[in-house]
Amino acid sequence: MDNASTRAQLKTLLHDLEYQLRQTSLWQAQPLSEEQLTSDQPFAADHLTLPQWLQFVFIPRLRNLLSSNADLPKRCAIAPMAEVYFKHCGVEACDLIKSLLRIDEILNQP
């Protein structure tokens, strides 16, 4: 799963995900405080919205793994959570969810 083609696809998908967050006005210009980024809850749900978590945690961590040629996660299931989140927040996020679904598929390959 960690071949060059997979890593290139993932890099492109992270770029697409950032683009989708920007297009839906969910990309935050101001950085978060250290306190907001410190959490022991899954997805930092006690401090961050899902778009914030994607921007400040998920995307940077995956980009860091890609740039350092480190092992990628073996399992990922962000798209189902995004479907639920965006269903209730009134944001049209179909393309964003498609990007997350594709990221999940790539990271879940054997």
PDB file of N, CA and C in Angstrom:
ATOM      1  N   MET A   1       0.814  -1.205   0.000  1.00  0.00           N
ATOM      2  CA  MET A   1       0.000   0.000   0.000  1.00  0.00           C
ATOM      3  C   MET A   1       0.851   1.259   0.000  1.00  0.00           C
ATOM      4  N   ASP A   2       2.071   1.215   0.511  1.00  0.00           N
ATOM      5  CA  ASP A   2       2.904   2.400   0.601  1.00  0.00           C
ATOM      6  C   ASP A   2       3.747   2.630  -0.647  1.00  0.00           C
ATOM      7  N   ASN A   3       3.218   2.351  -1.819  1.00  0.00           N
ATOM      8  CA  ASN A   3       4.021   2.576  -3.015  1.00  0.00           C
ATOM      9  C   ASN A   3       3.930   4.031  -3.457  1.00  0.00           C
ATOM     10  N   ALA A   4       4.791   4.412  -4.383  1.00  0.00           N
ATOM     11  CA  ALA A   4       4.877   5.805  -4.827  1.00  0.00           C
ATOM     12  C   ALA A   4       3.572   6.290  -5.445  1.00  0.00           C
ATOM     13  N   SER A   5       2.907   5.438  -6.193  1.00  0.00           N
ATOM     14  CA  SER A   5       1.642   5.814  -6.823  1.00  0.00           C
ATOM     15  C   SER A   5       0.566   6.117  -5.778  1.00  0.00           C
ATOM     16  N   THR A   6       0.506   5.276  -4.758  1.00  0.00           N
ATOM     17  CA  THR A   6      -0.474   5.482  -3.689  1.00  0.00           C
ATOM     18  C   THR A   6      -0.188   6.780  -2.957  1.00  0.00           C
ATOM     19  N   ARG A   7       1.068   7.035  -2.677  1.00  0.00           N
ATOM     20  CA  ARG A   7       1.451   8.267  -1.982  1.00  0.00           C
ATOM     21  C   ARG A   7       1.133   9.491  -2.843  1.00  0.00           C
ATOM     22  N   ALA A   8       1.351   9.399  -4.137  1.00  0.00           N
ATOM     23  CA  ALA A   8       1.039  10.509  -5.042  1.00  0.00           C
ATOM     24  C   ALA A   8      -0.476  10.759  -5.066  1.00  0.00           C
ATOM     25  N   GLN A   9      -1.256   9.683  -5.124  1.00  0.00           N
ATOM     26  CA  GLN A   9      -2.712   9.823  -5.100  1.00  0.00           C
ATOM     27  C   GLN A   9      -3.165  10.489  -3.807  1.00  0.00           C
ATOM     28  N   LEU A  10      -2.599  10.058  -2.702  1.00  0.00           N
ATOM     29  CA  LEU A  10      -2.978  10.604  -1.408  1.00  0.00           C
ATOM     30  C   LEU A  10      -2.610  12.084  -1.312  1.00  0.00           C
ATOM     31  N   LYS A  11      -1.454  12.439  -1.823  1.00  0.00           N
ATOM     32  CA  LYS A  11      -1.041  13.847  -1.823  1.00  0.00           C
ATOM     33  C   LYS A  11      -2.032  14.694  -2.617  1.00  0.00           C
ATOM     34  N   THR A  12      -2.452  14.204  -3.769  1.00  0.00           N
ATOM     35  CA  THR A  12      -3.432  14.913  -4.591  1.00  0.00           C
ATOM     36  C   THR A  12      -4.771  15.028  -3.865  1.00  0.00           C
ATOM     37  N   LEU A  13      -5.178  13.949  -3.219  1.00  0.00           N
ATOM     38  CA  LEU A  13      -6.458  13.968  -2.498  1.00  0.00           C
ATOM     39  C   LEU A  13      -6.428  14.938  -1.316  1.00  0.00           C
ATOM     40  N   LEU A  14      -5.306  15.052  -0.647  1.00  0.00           N
ATOM     41  CA  LEU A  14      -5.201  16.024   0.446  1.00  0.00           C
ATOM     42  C   LEU A  14      -5.298  17.445  -0.101  1.00  0.00           C
ATOM     43  N   HIS A  15      -4.705  17.670  -1.249  1.00  0.00           N
ATOM     44  CA  HIS A  15      -4.838  18.975  -1.906  1.00  0.00           C
ATOM     45  C   HIS A  15      -6.309  19.237  -2.254  1.00  0.00           C
ATOM     46  N   ASP A  16      -6.982  18.229  -2.803  1.00  0.00           N
ATOM     47  CA  ASP A  16      -8.403  18.358  -3.136  1.00  0.00           C
ATOM     48  C   ASP A  16      -9.240  18.631  -1.896  1.00  0.00           C
ATOM     49  N   LEU A  17      -8.928  17.944  -0.809  1.00  0.00           N
ATOM     50  CA  LEU A  17      -9.655  18.138   0.436  1.00  0.00           C
ATOM     51  C   LEU A  17      -9.497  19.572   0.929  1.00  0.00           C
ATOM     52  N   GLU A  18      -8.278  20.086   0.903  1.00  0.00           N
ATOM     53  CA  GLU A  18      -8.061  21.482   1.300  1.00  0.00           C
ATOM     54  C   GLU A  18      -8.858  22.418   0.396  1.00  0.00           C
ATOM     55  N   TYR A  19      -8.825  22.164  -0.902  1.00  0.00           N
ATOM     56  CA  TYR A  19      -9.586  22.980  -1.855  1.00  0.00           C
ATOM     57  C   TYR A  19     -11.077  22.967  -1.513  1.00  0.00           C
ATOM     58  N   GLN A  20     -11.613  21.789  -1.228  1.00  0.00           N
ATOM     59  CA  GLN A  20     -13.037  21.683  -0.897  1.00  0.00           C
ATOM     60  C   GLN A  20     -13.368  22.437   0.390  1.00  0.00           C
ATOM     61  N   LEU A  21     -12.504  22.360   1.377  1.00  0.00           N
ATOM     62  CA  LEU A  21     -12.730  23.115   2.619  1.00  0.00           C
ATOM     63  C   LEU A  21     -12.729  24.614   2.340  1.00  0.00           C
ATOM     64  N   ARG A  22     -11.848  25.043   1.475  1.00  0.00           N
ATOM     65  CA  ARG A  22     -11.806  26.471   1.118  1.00  0.00           C
ATOM     66  C   ARG A  22     -13.052  26.872   0.322  1.00  0.00           C
ATOM     67  N   GLN A  23     -13.461  26.035  -0.619  1.00  0.00           N
ATOM     68  CA  GLN A  23     -14.627  26.329  -1.461  1.00  0.00           C
ATOM     69  C   GLN A  23     -15.919  26.423  -0.656  1.00  0.00           C
ATOM     70  N   THR A  24     -16.012  25.674   0.408  1.00  0.00           N
ATOM     71  CA  THR A  24     -17.222  25.694   1.239  1.00  0.00           C
ATOM     72  C   THR A  24     -17.078  26.684   2.400  1.00  0.00           C
ATOM     73  N   SER A  25     -16.037  27.520   2.349  1.00  0.00           N
ATOM     74  CA  SER A  25     -15.760  28.540   3.380  1.00  0.00           C
ATOM     75  C   SER A  25     -15.561  27.926   4.763  1.00  0.00           C
ATOM     76  N   LEU A  26     -15.030  26.712   4.803  1.00  0.00           N
ATOM     77  CA  LEU A  26     -14.771  26.044   6.077  1.00  0.00           C
ATOM     78  C   LEU A  26     -13.304  26.104   6.477  1.00  0.00           C
ATOM     79  N   TRP A  27     -12.462  26.642   5.588  1.00  0.00           N
ATOM     80  CA  TRP A  27     -11.041  26.774   5.888  1.00  0.00           C
ATOM     81  C   TRP A  27     -10.870  27.999   6.774  1.00  0.00           C
ATOM     82  N   GLN A  28     -10.204  27.835   7.868  1.00  0.00           N
ATOM     83  CA  GLN A  28     -10.060  28.883   8.866  1.00  0.00           C
ATOM     84  C   GLN A  28      -8.728  29.605   8.669  1.00  0.00           C
ATOM     85  N   ALA A  29      -8.776  30.933   8.539  1.00  0.00           N
ATOM     86  CA  ALA A  29      -7.564  31.716   8.301  1.00  0.00           C
ATOM     87  C   ALA A  29      -6.685  31.815   9.545  1.00  0.00           C
ATOM     88  N   GLN A  30      -7.300  31.906  10.697  1.00  0.00           N
ATOM     89  CA  GLN A  30      -6.548  32.069  11.943  1.00  0.00           C
ATOM     90  C   GLN A  30      -6.132  30.713  12.500  1.00  0.00           C
ATOM     91  N   PRO A  31      -4.884  30.603  12.966  1.00  0.00           N
ATOM     92  CA  PRO A  31      -4.458  29.336  13.589  1.00  0.00           C
ATOM     93  C   PRO A  31      -5.187  29.121  14.913  1.00  0.00           C
ATOM     94  N   LEU A  32      -5.215  27.883  15.341  1.00  0.00           N
ATOM     95  CA  LEU A  32      -5.843  27.538  16.615  1.00  0.00           C
ATOM     96  C   LEU A  32      -4.837  27.698  17.748  1.00  0.00           C
ATOM     97  N   SER A  33      -5.366  27.857  18.957  1.00  0.00           N
ATOM     98  CA  SER A  33      -4.498  27.928  20.125  1.00  0.00           C
ATOM     99  C   SER A  33      -3.990  26.531  20.462  1.00  0.00           C
ATOM    100  N   GLU A  34      -2.922  26.483  21.222  1.00  0.00           N
ATOM    101  CA  GLU A  34      -2.375  25.196  21.665  1.00  0.00           C
ATOM    102  C   GLU A  34      -3.412  24.436  22.481  1.00  0.00           C
ATOM    103  N   GLU A  35      -4.190  25.159  23.271  1.00  0.00           N
ATOM    104  CA  GLU A  35      -5.236  24.528  24.090  1.00  0.00           C
ATOM    105  C   GLU A  35      -6.282  23.837  23.217  1.00  0.00           C
ATOM    106  N   GLN A  36      -6.664  24.481  22.132  1.00  0.00           N
ATOM    107  CA  GLN A  36      -7.659  23.881  21.235  1.00  0.00           C
ATOM    108  C   GLN A  36      -7.132  22.608  20.588  1.00  0.00           C
ATOM    109  N   LEU A  37      -5.833  22.568  20.355  1.00  0.00           N
ATOM    110  CA  LEU A  37      -5.246  21.413  19.691  1.00  0.00           C
ATOM    111  C   LEU A  37      -4.890  20.282  20.658  1.00  0.00           C
ATOM    112  N   THR A  38      -5.028  20.535  21.940  1.00  0.00           N
ATOM    113  CA  THR A  38      -4.718  19.531  22.948  1.00  0.00           C
ATOM    114  C   THR A  38      -6.012  18.869  23.398  1.00  0.00           C
ATOM    115  N   SER A  39      -6.130  17.588  23.120  1.00  0.00           N
ATOM    116  CA  SER A  39      -7.347  16.864  23.469  1.00  0.00           C
ATOM    117  C   SER A  39      -7.040  15.380  23.537  1.00  0.00           C
ATOM    118  N   ASP A  40      -7.769  14.684  24.392  1.00  0.00           N
ATOM    119  CA  ASP A  40      -7.641  13.235  24.428  1.00  0.00           C
ATOM    120  C   ASP A  40      -8.887  12.566  23.852  1.00  0.00           C
ATOM    121  N   GLN A  41      -9.781  13.374  23.306  1.00  0.00           N
ATOM    122  CA  GLN A  41     -11.007  12.862  22.705  1.00  0.00           C
ATOM    123  C   GLN A  41     -10.765  12.515  21.228  1.00  0.00           C
ATOM    124  N   PRO A  42     -11.455  11.508  20.717  1.00  0.00           N
ATOM    125  CA  PRO A  42     -11.330  11.220  19.285  1.00  0.00           C
ATOM    126  C   PRO A  42     -11.688  12.451  18.454  1.00  0.00           C
ATOM    127  N   PHE A  43     -10.870  12.741  17.471  1.00  0.00           N
ATOM    128  CA  PHE A  43     -11.063  13.873  16.571  1.00  0.00           C
ATOM    129  C   PHE A  43     -11.083  15.209  17.312  1.00  0.00           C
ATOM    130  N   ALA A  44     -10.567  15.236  18.544  1.00  0.00           N
ATOM    131  CA  ALA A  44     -10.544  16.449  19.370  1.00  0.00           C
ATOM    132  C   ALA A  44     -11.936  17.075  19.441  1.00  0.00           C
ATOM    133  N   ALA A  45     -12.934  16.220  19.502  1.00  0.00           N
ATOM    134  CA  ALA A  45     -14.330  16.663  19.440  1.00  0.00           C
ATOM    135  C   ALA A  45     -14.718  17.599  20.571  1.00  0.00           C
ATOM    136  N   ASP A  46     -13.959  17.589  21.653  1.00  0.00           N
ATOM    137  CA  ASP A  46     -14.274  18.488  22.758  1.00  0.00           C
ATOM    138  C   ASP A  46     -13.801  19.916  22.506  1.00  0.00           C
ATOM    139  N   HIS A  47     -12.935  20.118  21.485  1.00  0.00           N
ATOM    140  CA  HIS A  47     -12.408  21.453  21.212  1.00  0.00           C
ATOM    141  C   HIS A  47     -12.573  21.913  19.759  1.00  0.00           C
ATOM    142  N   LEU A  48     -12.701  20.972  18.838  1.00  0.00           N
ATOM    143  CA  LEU A  48     -12.690  21.320  17.419  1.00  0.00           C
ATOM    144  C   LEU A  48     -13.935  20.849  16.697  1.00  0.00           C
ATOM    145  N   THR A  49     -14.313  21.596  15.676  1.00  0.00           N
ATOM    146  CA  THR A  49     -15.325  21.112  14.744  1.00  0.00           C
ATOM    147  C   THR A  49     -14.632  20.128  13.797  1.00  0.00           C
ATOM    148  N   LEU A  50     -15.388  19.363  13.064  1.00  0.00           N
ATOM    149  CA  LEU A  50     -14.779  18.442  12.104  1.00  0.00           C
ATOM    150  C   LEU A  50     -13.937  19.193  11.070  1.00  0.00           C
ATOM    151  N   PRO A  51     -14.425  20.290  10.482  1.00  0.00           N
ATOM    152  CA  PRO A  51     -13.565  21.001   9.524  1.00  0.00           C
ATOM    153  C   PRO A  51     -12.260  21.500  10.156  1.00  0.00           C
ATOM    154  N   GLN A  52     -12.317  21.966  11.389  1.00  0.00           N
ATOM    155  CA  GLN A  52     -11.087  22.388  12.069  1.00  0.00           C
ATOM    156  C   GLN A  52     -10.146  21.203  12.254  1.00  0.00           C
ATOM    157  N   TRP A  53     -10.683  20.061  12.660  1.00  0.00           N
ATOM    158  CA  TRP A  53      -9.849  18.879  12.853  1.00  0.00           C
ATOM    159  C   TRP A  53      -9.196  18.458  11.536  1.00  0.00           C
ATOM    160  N   LEU A  54      -9.964  18.498  10.451  1.00  0.00           N
ATOM    161  CA  LEU A  54      -9.403  18.159   9.144  1.00  0.00           C
ATOM    162  C   LEU A  54      -8.265  19.114   8.790  1.00  0.00           C
ATOM    163  N   GLN A  55      -8.483  20.409   8.992  1.00  0.00           N
ATOM    164  CA  GLN A  55      -7.496  21.417   8.615  1.00  0.00           C
ATOM    165  C   GLN A  55      -6.254  21.398   9.491  1.00  0.00           C
ATOM    166  N   PHE A  56      -6.445  21.304  10.793  1.00  0.00           N
ATOM    167  CA  PHE A  56      -5.326  21.500  11.714  1.00  0.00           C
ATOM    168  C   PHE A  56      -4.696  20.208  12.243  1.00  0.00           C
ATOM    169  N   VAL A  57      -5.355  19.087  12.033  1.00  0.00           N
ATOM    170  CA  VAL A  57      -4.811  17.824  12.529  1.00  0.00           C
ATOM    171  C   VAL A  57      -4.634  16.812  11.388  1.00  0.00           C
ATOM    172  N   PHE A  58      -5.725  16.431  10.749  1.00  0.00           N
ATOM    173  CA  PHE A  58      -5.703  15.357   9.760  1.00  0.00           C
ATOM    174  C   PHE A  58      -4.797  15.667   8.562  1.00  0.00           C
ATOM    175  N   ILE A  59      -5.035  16.777   7.887  1.00  0.00           N
ATOM    176  CA  ILE A  59      -4.255  17.115   6.699  1.00  0.00           C
ATOM    177  C   ILE A  59      -2.773  17.284   7.044  1.00  0.00           C
ATOM    178  N   PRO A  60      -2.429  18.080   8.080  1.00  0.00           N
ATOM    179  CA  PRO A  60      -0.998  18.211   8.394  1.00  0.00           C
ATOM    180  C   PRO A  60      -0.316  16.891   8.775  1.00  0.00           C
ATOM    181  N   ARG A  61      -1.006  16.044   9.527  1.00  0.00           N
ATOM    182  CA  ARG A  61      -0.392  14.770   9.918  1.00  0.00           C
ATOM    183  C   ARG A  61      -0.126  13.885   8.716  1.00  0.00           C
ATOM    184  N   LEU A  62      -1.108  13.780   7.828  1.00  0.00           N
ATOM    185  CA  LEU A  62      -0.888  12.944   6.639  1.00  0.00           C
ATOM    186  C   LEU A  62       0.190  13.539   5.738  1.00  0.00           C
ATOM    187  N   ARG A  63       0.187  14.854   5.579  1.00  0.00           N
ATOM    188  CA  ARG A  63       1.241  15.478   4.763  1.00  0.00           C
ATOM    189  C   ARG A  63       2.614  15.227   5.379  1.00  0.00           C
ATOM    190  N   ASN A  64       2.698  15.293   6.684  1.00  0.00           N
ATOM    191  CA  ASN A  64       3.963  15.036   7.362  1.00  0.00           C
ATOM    192  C   ASN A  64       4.413  13.591   7.131  1.00  0.00           C
ATOM    193  N   LEU A  65       3.491  12.642   7.240  1.00  0.00           N
ATOM    194  CA  LEU A  65       3.835  11.244   6.984  1.00  0.00           C
ATOM    195  C   LEU A  65       4.306  11.048   5.545  1.00  0.00           C
ATOM    196  N   LEU A  66       3.641  11.712   4.618  1.00  0.00           N
ATOM    197  CA  LEU A  66       4.029  11.590   3.214  1.00  0.00           C
ATOM    198  C   LEU A  66       5.404  12.206   2.964  1.00  0.00           C
ATOM    199  N   SER A  67       5.639  13.385   3.499  1.00  0.00           N
ATOM    200  CA  SER A  67       6.913  14.066   3.234  1.00  0.00           C
ATOM    201  C   SER A  67       8.093  13.366   3.905  1.00  0.00           C
ATOM    202  N   SER A  68       7.849  12.701   5.020  1.00  0.00           N
ATOM    203  CA  SER A  68       8.932  11.995   5.702  1.00  0.00           C
ATOM    204  C   SER A  68       9.033  10.535   5.277  1.00  0.00           C
ATOM    205  N   ASN A  69       8.180  10.147   4.326  1.00  0.00           N
ATOM    206  CA  ASN A  69       8.143   8.776   3.821  1.00  0.00           C
ATOM    207  C   ASN A  69       7.896   7.755   4.938  1.00  0.00           C
ATOM    208  N   ALA A  70       7.145   8.193   5.956  1.00  0.00           N
ATOM    209  CA  ALA A  70       6.805   7.321   7.085  1.00  0.00           C
ATOM    210  C   ALA A  70       5.646   6.398   6.703  1.00  0.00           C
ATOM    211  N   ASP A  71       5.439   5.383   7.522  1.00  0.00           N
ATOM    212  CA  ASP A  71       4.313   4.472   7.300  1.00  0.00           C
ATOM    213  C   ASP A  71       3.005   5.238   7.417  1.00  0.00           C
ATOM    214  N   LEU A  72       2.093   4.924   6.531  1.00  0.00           N
ATOM    215  CA  LEU A  72       0.766   5.536   6.557  1.00  0.00           C
ATOM    216  C   LEU A  72      -0.160   4.720   7.452  1.00  0.00           C
ATOM    217  N   PRO A  73      -1.229   5.349   7.941  1.00  0.00           N
ATOM    218  CA  PRO A  73      -2.194   4.578   8.746  1.00  0.00           C
ATOM    219  C   PRO A  73      -2.721   3.397   7.942  1.00  0.00           C
ATOM    220  N   LYS A  74      -3.022   2.317   8.635  1.00  0.00           N
ATOM    221  CA  LYS A  74      -3.532   1.111   7.973  1.00  0.00           C
ATOM    222  C   LYS A  74      -5.047   1.123   7.837  1.00  0.00           C
ATOM    223  N   ARG A  75      -5.705   1.959   8.644  1.00  0.00           N
ATOM    224  CA  ARG A  75      -7.167   2.034   8.605  1.00  0.00           C
ATOM    225  C   ARG A  75      -7.595   3.485   8.742  1.00  0.00           C
ATOM    226  N   CYS A  76      -8.682   3.816   8.058  1.00  0.00           N
ATOM    227  CA  CYS A  76      -9.207   5.176   8.112  1.00  0.00           C
ATOM    228  C   CYS A  76     -10.698   5.130   7.788  1.00  0.00           C
ATOM    229  N   ALA A  77     -11.482   5.870   8.535  1.00  0.00           N
ATOM    230  CA  ALA A  77     -12.933   5.921   8.296  1.00  0.00           C
ATOM    231  C   ALA A  77     -13.464   7.309   8.655  1.00  0.00           C
ATOM    232  N   ILE A  78     -13.001   8.301   7.918  1.00  0.00           N
ATOM    233  CA  ILE A  78     -13.412   9.681   8.164  1.00  0.00           C
ATOM    234  C   ILE A  78     -14.703  10.013   7.412  1.00  0.00           C
ATOM    235  N   ALA A  79     -14.885   9.463   6.219  1.00  0.00           N
ATOM    236  CA  ALA A  79     -16.037   9.819   5.391  1.00  0.00           C
ATOM    237  C   ALA A  79     -17.386   9.590   6.087  1.00  0.00           C
ATOM    238  N   PRO A  80     -17.602   8.456   6.767  1.00  0.00           N
ATOM    239  CA  PRO A  80     -18.910   8.278   7.427  1.00  0.00           C
ATOM    240  C   PRO A  80     -19.187   9.354   8.483  1.00  0.00           C
ATOM    241  N   MET A  81     -18.164   9.737   9.220  1.00  0.00           N
ATOM    242  CA  MET A  81     -18.358  10.787  10.218  1.00  0.00           C
ATOM    243  C   MET A  81     -18.668  12.111   9.523  1.00  0.00           C
ATOM    244  N   ALA A  82     -17.995  12.393   8.430  1.00  0.00           N
ATOM    245  CA  ALA A  82     -18.252  13.630   7.694  1.00  0.00           C
ATOM    246  C   ALA A  82     -19.667  13.655   7.130  1.00  0.00           C
ATOM    247  N   GLU A  83     -20.143  12.520   6.649  1.00  0.00           N
ATOM    248  CA  GLU A  83     -21.516  12.460   6.140  1.00  0.00           C
ATOM    249  C   GLU A  83     -22.517  12.867   7.212  1.00  0.00           C
ATOM    250  N   VAL A  84     -22.338  12.360   8.400  1.00  0.00           N
ATOM    251  CA  VAL A  84     -23.237  12.698   9.513  1.00  0.00           C
ATOM    252  C   VAL A  84     -23.077  14.172   9.886  1.00  0.00           C
ATOM    253  N   TYR A  85     -21.844  14.617  10.020  1.00  0.00           N
ATOM    254  CA  TYR A  85     -21.578  15.996  10.424  1.00  0.00           C
ATOM    255  C   TYR A  85     -22.211  16.983   9.441  1.00  0.00           C
ATOM    256  N   PHE A  86     -21.933  16.811   8.151  1.00  0.00           N
ATOM    257  CA  PHE A  86     -22.396  17.780   7.169  1.00  0.00           C
ATOM    258  C   PHE A  86     -23.887  17.671   6.884  1.00  0.00           C
ATOM    259  N   LYS A  87     -24.476  16.546   7.152  1.00  0.00           N
ATOM    260  CA  LYS A  87     -25.928  16.385   6.987  1.00  0.00           C
ATOM    261  C   LYS A  87     -26.678  17.341   7.911  1.00  0.00           C
ATOM    262  N   HIS A  88     -26.083  17.618   9.071  1.00  0.00           N
ATOM    263  CA  HIS A  88     -26.768  18.415  10.087  1.00  0.00           C
ATOM    264  C   HIS A  88     -26.274  19.853  10.180  1.00  0.00           C
ATOM    265  N   CYS A  89     -25.324  20.247   9.361  1.00  0.00           N
ATOM    266  CA  CYS A  89     -24.815  21.616   9.511  1.00  0.00           C
ATOM    267  C   CYS A  89     -25.201  22.537   8.361  1.00  0.00           C
ATOM    268  N   GLY A  90     -25.898  22.025   7.373  1.00  0.00           N
ATOM    269  CA  GLY A  90     -26.395  22.872   6.297  1.00  0.00           C
ATOM    270  C   GLY A  90     -25.358  23.311   5.278  1.00  0.00           C
ATOM    271  N   VAL A  91     -24.254  22.599   5.183  1.00  0.00           N
ATOM    272  CA  VAL A  91     -23.218  22.919   4.200  1.00  0.00           C
ATOM    273  C   VAL A  91     -23.252  21.853   3.108  1.00  0.00           C
ATOM    274  N   GLU A  92     -23.235  22.296   1.854  1.00  0.00           N
ATOM    275  CA  GLU A  92     -23.168  21.357   0.735  1.00  0.00           C
ATOM    276  C   GLU A  92     -21.736  20.839   0.644  1.00  0.00           C
ATOM    277  N   ALA A  93     -21.549  19.593   1.022  1.00  0.00           N
ATOM    278  CA  ALA A  93     -20.195  19.052   1.139  1.00  0.00           C
ATOM    279  C   ALA A  93     -20.020  17.747   0.378  1.00  0.00           C
ATOM    280  N   CYS A  94     -20.777  17.556  -0.674  1.00  0.00           N
ATOM    281  CA  CYS A  94     -20.719  16.308  -1.431  1.00  0.00           C
ATOM    282  C   CYS A  94     -19.303  16.029  -1.954  1.00  0.00           C
ATOM    283  N   ASP A  95     -18.666  17.027  -2.562  1.00  0.00           N
ATOM    284  CA  ASP A  95     -17.325  16.825  -3.110  1.00  0.00           C
ATOM    285  C   ASP A  95     -16.302  16.610  -1.994  1.00  0.00           C
ATOM    286  N   LEU A  96     -16.462  17.306  -0.901  1.00  0.00           N
ATOM    287  CA  LEU A  96     -15.577  17.134   0.245  1.00  0.00           C
ATOM    288  C   LEU A  96     -15.679  15.709   0.773  1.00  0.00           C
ATOM    289  N   ILE A  97     -16.884  15.204   0.890  1.00  0.00           N
ATOM    290  CA  ILE A  97     -17.094  13.836   1.372  1.00  0.00           C
ATOM    291  C   ILE A  97     -16.522  12.827   0.384  1.00  0.00           C
ATOM    292  N   LYS A  98     -16.650  13.102  -0.908  1.00  0.00           N
ATOM    293  CA  LYS A  98     -16.065  12.211  -1.914  1.00  0.00           C
ATOM    294  C   LYS A  98     -14.546  12.141  -1.763  1.00  0.00           C
ATOM    295  N   SER A  99     -13.915  13.275  -1.497  1.00  0.00           N
ATOM    296  CA  SER A  99     -12.463  13.279  -1.271  1.00  0.00           C
ATOM    297  C   SER A  99     -12.107  12.442  -0.049  1.00  0.00           C
ATOM    298  N   LEU A 100     -12.872  12.597   1.023  1.00  0.00           N
ATOM    299  CA  LEU A 100     -12.616  11.820   2.242  1.00  0.00           C
ATOM    300  C   LEU A 100     -12.852  10.331   2.014  1.00  0.00           C
ATOM    301  N   LEU A 101     -13.879  10.005   1.253  1.00  0.00           N
ATOM    302  CA  LEU A 101     -14.161   8.597   0.948  1.00  0.00           C
ATOM    303  C   LEU A 101     -12.999   7.976   0.185  1.00  0.00           C
ATOM    304  N   ARG A 102     -12.462   8.707  -0.760  1.00  0.00           N
ATOM    305  CA  ARG A 102     -11.328   8.190  -1.543  1.00  0.00           C
ATOM    306  C   ARG A 102     -10.087   8.035  -0.664  1.00  0.00           C
ATOM    307  N   ILE A 103      -9.859   8.984   0.255  1.00  0.00           N
ATOM    308  CA  ILE A 103      -8.739   8.869   1.195  1.00  0.00           C
ATOM    309  C   ILE A 103      -8.917   7.621   2.046  1.00  0.00           C
ATOM    310  N   ASP A 104     -10.138   7.412   2.553  1.00  0.00           N
ATOM    311  CA  ASP A 104     -10.428   6.202   3.333  1.00  0.00           C
ATOM    312  C   ASP A 104     -10.112   4.945   2.526  1.00  0.00           C
ATOM    313  N   GLU A 105     -10.565   4.918   1.280  1.00  0.00           N
ATOM    314  CA  GLU A 105     -10.338   3.742   0.429  1.00  0.00           C
ATOM    315  C   GLU A 105      -8.845   3.467   0.244  1.00  0.00           C
ATOM    316  N   ILE A 106      -8.081   4.511  -0.019  1.00  0.00           N
ATOM    317  CA  ILE A 106      -6.642   4.326  -0.236  1.00  0.00           C
ATOM    318  C   ILE A 106      -5.963   3.817   1.028  1.00  0.00           C
ATOM    319  N   LEU A 107      -6.292   4.416   2.180  1.00  0.00           N
ATOM    320  CA  LEU A 107      -5.632   4.023   3.420  1.00  0.00           C
ATOM    321  C   LEU A 107      -6.092   2.649   3.926  1.00  0.00           C
ATOM    322  N   ASN A 108      -7.226   2.185   3.468  1.00  0.00           N
ATOM    323  CA  ASN A 108      -7.732   0.882   3.886  1.00  0.00           C
ATOM    324  C   ASN A 108      -7.336  -0.254   2.949  1.00  0.00           C
ATOM    325  N   GLN A 109      -6.549   0.056   1.920  1.00  0.00           N
ATOM    326  CA  GLN A 109      -6.093  -0.998   1.015  1.00  0.00           C
ATOM    327  C   GLN A 109      -5.148  -1.925   1.755  1.00  0.00           C
ATOM    328  N   PRO A 110      -5.258  -3.227   1.469  1.00  0.00           N
ATOM    329  CA  PRO A 110      -4.341  -4.177   2.121  1.00  0.00           C
ATOM    330  C   PRO A 110      -2.905  -3.992   1.659  1.00  0.00           C
TER     331      PRO A 110
END
